[in-house]
Amino acid sequence: HLGWKRTTTYTVIKRLSDKGYLKNE
């Protein structure tokens, strides 16, 4: 959907988790 590489997705997951938007457990 966004044309992102795997590493980009994991970076965004980490950042959104740090900001309190997501939980990655």
PDB file of all heavy atoms in Angstrom:
ATOM      1  N   HIS A   1       0.796  -1.233   0.000  1.00  0.00           N
ATOM      2  CA  HIS A   1       0.000   0.000   0.000  1.00  0.00           C
ATOM      3  C   HIS A   1       0.826   1.280   0.000  1.00  0.00           C
ATOM      4  O   HIS A   1       0.362   2.306  -0.506  1.00  0.00           O
ATOM      5  CB  HIS A   1      -0.944   0.024   1.208  1.00  0.00           C
ATOM      6  CG  HIS A   1      -1.995  -1.032   1.147  1.00  0.00           C
ATOM      7  ND1 HIS A   1      -3.141  -0.906   0.391  1.00  0.00           N
ATOM      8  CD2 HIS A   1      -2.071  -2.253   1.732  1.00  0.00           C
ATOM      9  CE1 HIS A   1      -3.870  -1.998   0.526  1.00  0.00           C
ATOM     10  NE2 HIS A   1      -3.248  -2.830   1.336  1.00  0.00           N
ATOM     11  N   LEU A   2       2.020   1.230   0.590  1.00  0.00           N
ATOM     12  CA  LEU A   2       2.810   2.444   0.744  1.00  0.00           C
ATOM     13  C   LEU A   2       4.149   2.396   0.014  1.00  0.00           C
ATOM     14  O   LEU A   2       4.850   3.400  -0.044  1.00  0.00           O
ATOM     15  CB  LEU A   2       3.056   2.728   2.236  1.00  0.00           C
ATOM     16  CG  LEU A   2       1.811   2.817   3.116  1.00  0.00           C
ATOM     17  CD1 LEU A   2       2.200   2.916   4.583  1.00  0.00           C
ATOM     18  CD2 LEU A   2       0.967   4.002   2.704  1.00  0.00           C
ATOM     19  N   GLY A   3       4.520   1.213  -0.477  1.00  0.00           N
ATOM     20  CA  GLY A   3       5.803   1.069  -1.159  1.00  0.00           C
ATOM     21  C   GLY A   3       6.998   1.072  -0.215  1.00  0.00           C
ATOM     22  O   GLY A   3       8.124   1.343  -0.631  1.00  0.00           O
ATOM     23  N   TRP A   4       6.761   0.742   1.065  1.00  0.00           N
ATOM     24  CA  TRP A   4       7.827   0.773   2.061  1.00  0.00           C
ATOM     25  C   TRP A   4       8.618  -0.517   2.061  1.00  0.00           C
ATOM     26  O   TRP A   4       8.082  -1.601   1.824  1.00  0.00           O
ATOM     27  CB  TRP A   4       7.262   0.962   3.456  1.00  0.00           C
ATOM     28  CG  TRP A   4       6.715   2.322   3.734  1.00  0.00           C
ATOM     29  CD1 TRP A   4       6.690   3.387   2.899  1.00  0.00           C
ATOM     30  CD2 TRP A   4       6.096   2.742   4.934  1.00  0.00           C
ATOM     31  NE1 TRP A   4       6.095   4.455   3.518  1.00  0.00           N
ATOM     32  CE2 TRP A   4       5.719   4.082   4.770  1.00  0.00           C
ATOM     33  CE3 TRP A   4       5.815   2.112   6.137  1.00  0.00           C
ATOM     34  CZ2 TRP A   4       5.092   4.811   5.773  1.00  0.00           C
ATOM     35  CZ3 TRP A   4       5.178   2.832   7.134  1.00  0.00           C
ATOM     36  CH2 TRP A   4       4.828   4.176   6.955  1.00  0.00           C
ATOM     37  N   LYS A   5       9.903  -0.401   2.405  1.00  0.00           N
ATOM     38  CA  LYS A   5      10.748  -1.572   2.640  1.00  0.00           C
ATOM     39  C   LYS A   5      10.487  -2.069   4.060  1.00  0.00           C
ATOM     40  O   LYS A   5       9.963  -1.339   4.908  1.00  0.00           O
ATOM     41  CB  LYS A   5      12.218  -1.208   2.476  1.00  0.00           C
ATOM     42  CG  LYS A   5      12.563  -0.830   1.057  1.00  0.00           C
ATOM     43  CD  LYS A   5      14.019  -0.540   0.911  1.00  0.00           C
ATOM     44  CE  LYS A   5      14.291  -0.162  -0.541  1.00  0.00           C
ATOM     45  NZ  LYS A   5      15.688   0.105  -0.775  1.00  0.00           N
ATOM     46  N   ARG A   6      10.878  -3.295   4.308  1.00  0.00           N
ATOM     47  CA  ARG A   6      10.675  -3.911   5.618  1.00  0.00           C
ATOM     48  C   ARG A   6      11.299  -3.074   6.732  1.00  0.00           C
ATOM     49  O   ARG A   6      10.679  -2.835   7.773  1.00  0.00           O
ATOM     50  CB  ARG A   6      11.263  -5.330   5.610  1.00  0.00           C
ATOM     51  CG  ARG A   6      11.100  -6.083   6.911  1.00  0.00           C
ATOM     52  CD  ARG A   6      11.783  -7.439   6.856  1.00  0.00           C
ATOM     53  NE  ARG A   6      13.178  -7.371   6.447  1.00  0.00           N
ATOM     54  CZ  ARG A   6      14.193  -7.060   7.260  1.00  0.00           C
ATOM     55  NH1 ARG A   6      13.967  -6.785   8.522  1.00  0.00           N
ATOM     56  NH2 ARG A   6      15.427  -7.012   6.806  1.00  0.00           N
ATOM     57  N   THR A   7      12.509  -2.591   6.510  1.00  0.00           N
ATOM     58  CA  THR A   7      13.192  -1.817   7.548  1.00  0.00           C
ATOM     59  C   THR A   7      12.457  -0.519   7.864  1.00  0.00           C
ATOM     60  O   THR A   7      12.401  -0.101   9.025  1.00  0.00           O
ATOM     61  CB  THR A   7      14.640  -1.513   7.139  1.00  0.00           C
ATOM     62  OG1 THR A   7      14.632  -0.883   5.849  1.00  0.00           O
ATOM     63  CG2 THR A   7      15.481  -2.776   7.087  1.00  0.00           C
ATOM     64  N   THR A   8      11.869   0.102   6.864  1.00  0.00           N
ATOM     65  CA  THR A   8      11.096   1.328   7.082  1.00  0.00           C
ATOM     66  C   THR A   8       9.893   1.031   7.955  1.00  0.00           C
ATOM     67  O   THR A   8       9.587   1.774   8.898  1.00  0.00           O
ATOM     68  CB  THR A   8      10.643   1.933   5.736  1.00  0.00           C
ATOM     69  OG1 THR A   8      11.786   2.209   4.947  1.00  0.00           O
ATOM     70  CG2 THR A   8       9.821   3.191   5.943  1.00  0.00           C
ATOM     71  N   THR A   9       9.215  -0.063   7.654  1.00  0.00           N
ATOM     72  CA  THR A   9       8.032  -0.433   8.436  1.00  0.00           C
ATOM     73  C   THR A   9       8.398  -0.674   9.893  1.00  0.00           C
ATOM     74  O   THR A   9       7.709  -0.187  10.795  1.00  0.00           O
ATOM     75  CB  THR A   9       7.359  -1.682   7.840  1.00  0.00           C
ATOM     76  OG1 THR A   9       7.029  -1.406   6.478  1.00  0.00           O
ATOM     77  CG2 THR A   9       6.101  -2.049   8.608  1.00  0.00           C
ATOM     78  N   TYR A  10       9.476  -1.401  10.150  1.00  0.00           N
ATOM     79  CA  TYR A  10       9.875  -1.660  11.531  1.00  0.00           C
ATOM     80  C   TYR A  10      10.275  -0.369  12.246  1.00  0.00           C
ATOM     81  O   TYR A  10       9.996  -0.202  13.437  1.00  0.00           O
ATOM     82  CB  TYR A  10      10.999  -2.693  11.594  1.00  0.00           C
ATOM     83  CG  TYR A  10      10.494  -4.098  11.395  1.00  0.00           C
ATOM     84  CD1 TYR A  10      10.898  -4.858  10.308  1.00  0.00           C
ATOM     85  CD2 TYR A  10       9.597  -4.671  12.292  1.00  0.00           C
ATOM     86  CE1 TYR A  10      10.423  -6.148  10.112  1.00  0.00           C
ATOM     87  CE2 TYR A  10       9.114  -5.960  12.111  1.00  0.00           C
ATOM     88  CZ  TYR A  10       9.535  -6.691  11.026  1.00  0.00           C
ATOM     89  OH  TYR A  10       9.058  -7.955  10.842  1.00  0.00           O
ATOM     90  N   THR A  11      10.886   0.566  11.536  1.00  0.00           N
ATOM     91  CA  THR A  11      11.238   1.852  12.128  1.00  0.00           C
ATOM     92  C   THR A  11       9.980   2.617  12.520  1.00  0.00           C
ATOM     93  O   THR A  11       9.887   3.178  13.618  1.00  0.00           O
ATOM     94  CB  THR A  11      12.087   2.687  11.151  1.00  0.00           C
ATOM     95  OG1 THR A  11      13.296   1.987  10.872  1.00  0.00           O
ATOM     96  CG2 THR A  11      12.393   4.063  11.719  1.00  0.00           C
ATOM     97  N   VAL A  12       8.988   2.626  11.638  1.00  0.00           N
ATOM     98  CA  VAL A  12       7.734   3.337  11.925  1.00  0.00           C
ATOM     99  C   VAL A  12       6.992   2.658  13.081  1.00  0.00           C
ATOM    100  O   VAL A  12       6.456   3.339  13.954  1.00  0.00           O
ATOM    101  CB  VAL A  12       6.861   3.441  10.659  1.00  0.00           C
ATOM    102  CG1 VAL A  12       5.481   3.991  10.981  1.00  0.00           C
ATOM    103  CG2 VAL A  12       7.546   4.319   9.620  1.00  0.00           C
ATOM    104  N   ILE A  13       6.966   1.335  13.110  1.00  0.00           N
ATOM    105  CA  ILE A  13       6.346   0.616  14.229  1.00  0.00           C
ATOM    106  C   ILE A  13       7.007   1.042  15.542  1.00  0.00           C
ATOM    107  O   ILE A  13       6.330   1.341  16.525  1.00  0.00           O
ATOM    108  CB  ILE A  13       6.439  -0.912  14.046  1.00  0.00           C
ATOM    109  CG1 ILE A  13       5.538  -1.378  12.899  1.00  0.00           C
ATOM    110  CG2 ILE A  13       6.070  -1.635  15.345  1.00  0.00           C
ATOM    111  CD1 ILE A  13       5.750  -2.839  12.508  1.00  0.00           C
ATOM    112  N   LYS A  14       8.309   1.092  15.557  1.00  0.00           N
ATOM    113  CA  LYS A  14       9.059   1.476  16.761  1.00  0.00           C
ATOM    114  C   LYS A  14       8.713   2.903  17.177  1.00  0.00           C
ATOM    115  O   LYS A  14       8.439   3.176  18.346  1.00  0.00           O
ATOM    116  CB  LYS A  14      10.560   1.338  16.494  1.00  0.00           C
ATOM    117  CG  LYS A  14      11.457   1.915  17.556  1.00  0.00           C
ATOM    118  CD  LYS A  14      11.610   0.982  18.724  1.00  0.00           C
ATOM    119  CE  LYS A  14      12.702   1.462  19.653  1.00  0.00           C
ATOM    120  NZ  LYS A  14      12.192   2.013  20.887  1.00  0.00           N
ATOM    121  N   ARG A  15       8.714   3.821  16.220  1.00  0.00           N
ATOM    122  CA  ARG A  15       8.434   5.224  16.540  1.00  0.00           C
ATOM    123  C   ARG A  15       7.001   5.423  17.037  1.00  0.00           C
ATOM    124  O   ARG A  15       6.761   6.163  17.989  1.00  0.00           O
ATOM    125  CB  ARG A  15       8.701   6.113  15.333  1.00  0.00           C
ATOM    126  CG  ARG A  15      10.182   6.250  15.049  1.00  0.00           C
ATOM    127  CD  ARG A  15      10.447   7.150  13.888  1.00  0.00           C
ATOM    128  NE  ARG A  15      11.879   7.224  13.646  1.00  0.00           N
ATOM    129  CZ  ARG A  15      12.418   7.771  12.582  1.00  0.00           C
ATOM    130  NH1 ARG A  15      11.644   8.298  11.642  1.00  0.00           N
ATOM    131  NH2 ARG A  15      13.727   7.801  12.437  1.00  0.00           N
ATOM    132  N   LEU A  16       6.047   4.767  16.379  1.00  0.00           N
ATOM    133  CA  LEU A  16       4.655   4.891  16.813  1.00  0.00           C
ATOM    134  C   LEU A  16       4.439   4.229  18.172  1.00  0.00           C
ATOM    135  O   LEU A  16       3.615   4.684  18.967  1.00  0.00           O
ATOM    136  CB  LEU A  16       3.706   4.323  15.765  1.00  0.00           C
ATOM    137  CG  LEU A  16       3.597   5.131  14.466  1.00  0.00           C
ATOM    138  CD1 LEU A  16       2.707   4.411  13.463  1.00  0.00           C
ATOM    139  CD2 LEU A  16       3.086   6.539  14.726  1.00  0.00           C
ATOM    140  N   SER A  17       5.174   3.172  18.449  1.00  0.00           N
ATOM    141  CA  SER A  17       5.110   2.528  19.766  1.00  0.00           C
ATOM    142  C   SER A  17       5.672   3.458  20.833  1.00  0.00           C
ATOM    143  O   SER A  17       5.091   3.600  21.910  1.00  0.00           O
ATOM    144  CB  SER A  17       5.892   1.216  19.765  1.00  0.00           C
ATOM    145  OG  SER A  17       5.284   0.282  18.913  1.00  0.00           O
ATOM    146  N   ASP A  18       6.797   4.103  20.525  1.00  0.00           N
ATOM    147  CA  ASP A  18       7.413   5.034  21.477  1.00  0.00           C
ATOM    148  C   ASP A  18       6.505   6.225  21.781  1.00  0.00           C
ATOM    149  O   ASP A  18       6.530   6.760  22.879  1.00  0.00           O
ATOM    150  CB  ASP A  18       8.758   5.542  20.942  1.00  0.00           C
ATOM    151  CG  ASP A  18       9.831   4.460  20.932  1.00  0.00           C
ATOM    152  OD1 ASP A  18       9.641   3.396  21.555  1.00  0.00           O
ATOM    153  OD2 ASP A  18      10.870   4.682  20.276  1.00  0.00           O
ATOM    154  N   LYS A  19       5.696   6.621  20.806  1.00  0.00           N
ATOM    155  CA  LYS A  19       4.784   7.753  20.985  1.00  0.00           C
ATOM    156  C   LYS A  19       3.459   7.345  21.636  1.00  0.00           C
ATOM    157  O   LYS A  19       2.619   8.190  21.917  1.00  0.00           O
ATOM    158  CB  LYS A  19       4.490   8.421  19.640  1.00  0.00           C
ATOM    159  CG  LYS A  19       5.686   9.155  19.080  1.00  0.00           C
ATOM    160  CD  LYS A  19       5.349   9.803  17.760  1.00  0.00           C
ATOM    161  CE  LYS A  19       6.573  10.540  17.224  1.00  0.00           C
ATOM    162  NZ  LYS A  19       6.239  11.296  16.008  1.00  0.00           N
ATOM    163  N   GLY A  20       3.266   6.044  21.832  1.00  0.00           N
ATOM    164  CA  GLY A  20       2.062   5.580  22.501  1.00  0.00           C
ATOM    165  C   GLY A  20       0.885   5.296  21.583  1.00  0.00           C
ATOM    166  O   GLY A  20      -0.235   5.144  22.042  1.00  0.00           O
ATOM    167  N   TYR A  21       1.126   5.215  20.285  1.00  0.00           N
ATOM    168  CA  TYR A  21       0.067   4.901  19.333  1.00  0.00           C
ATOM    169  C   TYR A  21      -0.140   3.401  19.175  1.00  0.00           C
ATOM    170  O   TYR A  21      -1.247   2.945  18.950  1.00  0.00           O
ATOM    171  CB  TYR A  21       0.394   5.460  17.940  1.00  0.00           C
ATOM    172  CG  TYR A  21       0.207   6.930  17.783  1.00  0.00           C
ATOM    173  CD1 TYR A  21       1.284   7.802  17.845  1.00  0.00           C
ATOM    174  CD2 TYR A  21      -1.051   7.466  17.536  1.00  0.00           C
ATOM    175  CE1 TYR A  21       1.125   9.152  17.678  1.00  0.00           C
ATOM    176  CE2 TYR A  21      -1.229   8.824  17.368  1.00  0.00           C
ATOM    177  CZ  TYR A  21      -0.132   9.665  17.438  1.00  0.00           C
ATOM    178  OH  TYR A  21      -0.299  11.009  17.269  1.00  0.00           O
ATOM    179  N   LEU A  22       0.946   2.639  19.224  1.00  0.00           N
ATOM    180  CA  LEU A  22       0.898   1.199  18.962  1.00  0.00           C
ATOM    181  C   LEU A  22       1.482   0.412  20.113  1.00  0.00           C
ATOM    182  O   LEU A  22       2.299   0.918  20.883  1.00  0.00           O
ATOM    183  CB  LEU A  22       1.719   0.838  17.712  1.00  0.00           C
ATOM    184  CG  LEU A  22       1.318   1.413  16.380  1.00  0.00           C
ATOM    185  CD1 LEU A  22       2.296   0.937  15.303  1.00  0.00           C
ATOM    186  CD2 LEU A  22      -0.087   1.030  16.016  1.00  0.00           C
ATOM    187  N   LYS A  23       1.083  -0.856  20.165  1.00  0.00           N
ATOM    188  CA  LYS A  23       1.712  -1.826  21.057  1.00  0.00           C
ATOM    189  C   LYS A  23       2.215  -2.946  20.159  1.00  0.00           C
ATOM    190  O   LYS A  23       1.470  -3.470  19.327  1.00  0.00           O
ATOM    191  CB  LYS A  23       0.698  -2.361  22.068  1.00  0.00           C
ATOM    192  CG  LYS A  23       1.276  -3.434  22.964  1.00  0.00           C
ATOM    193  CD  LYS A  23       0.307  -3.835  24.051  1.00  0.00           C
ATOM    194  CE  LYS A  23      -0.809  -4.660  23.470  1.00  0.00           C
ATOM    195  NZ  LYS A  23      -1.655  -5.302  24.462  1.00  0.00           N
ATOM    196  N   ASN A  24       3.488  -3.286  20.292  1.00  0.00           N
ATOM    197  CA  ASN A  24       4.088  -4.369  19.529  1.00  0.00           C
ATOM    198  C   ASN A  24       4.592  -5.395  20.535  1.00  0.00           C
ATOM    199  O   ASN A  24       5.659  -5.244  21.110  1.00  0.00           O
ATOM    200  CB  ASN A  24       5.233  -3.846  18.663  1.00  0.00           C
ATOM    201  CG  ASN A  24       5.820  -4.915  17.766  1.00  0.00           C
ATOM    202  OD1 ASN A  24       5.264  -5.989  17.617  1.00  0.00           O
ATOM    203  ND2 ASN A  24       6.950  -4.619  17.159  1.00  0.00           N
ATOM    204  N   GLU A  25       3.779  -6.409  20.747  1.00  0.00           N
ATOM    205  CA  GLU A  25       4.087  -7.408  21.764  1.00  0.00           C
ATOM    206  C   GLU A  25       4.067  -8.786  21.127  1.00  0.00           C
ATOM    207  O   GLU A  25       3.077  -9.159  20.494  1.00  0.00           O
ATOM    208  CB  GLU A  25       3.049  -7.309  22.876  1.00  0.00           C
ATOM    209  CG  GLU A  25       3.422  -7.984  24.153  1.00  0.00           C
ATOM    210  CD  GLU A  25       2.456  -7.587  25.251  1.00  0.00           C
ATOM    211  OE1 GLU A  25       1.360  -8.182  25.305  1.00  0.00           O
ATOM    212  OE2 GLU A  25       2.794  -6.686  26.024  1.00  0.00           O
TER     213      GLU A  25
END
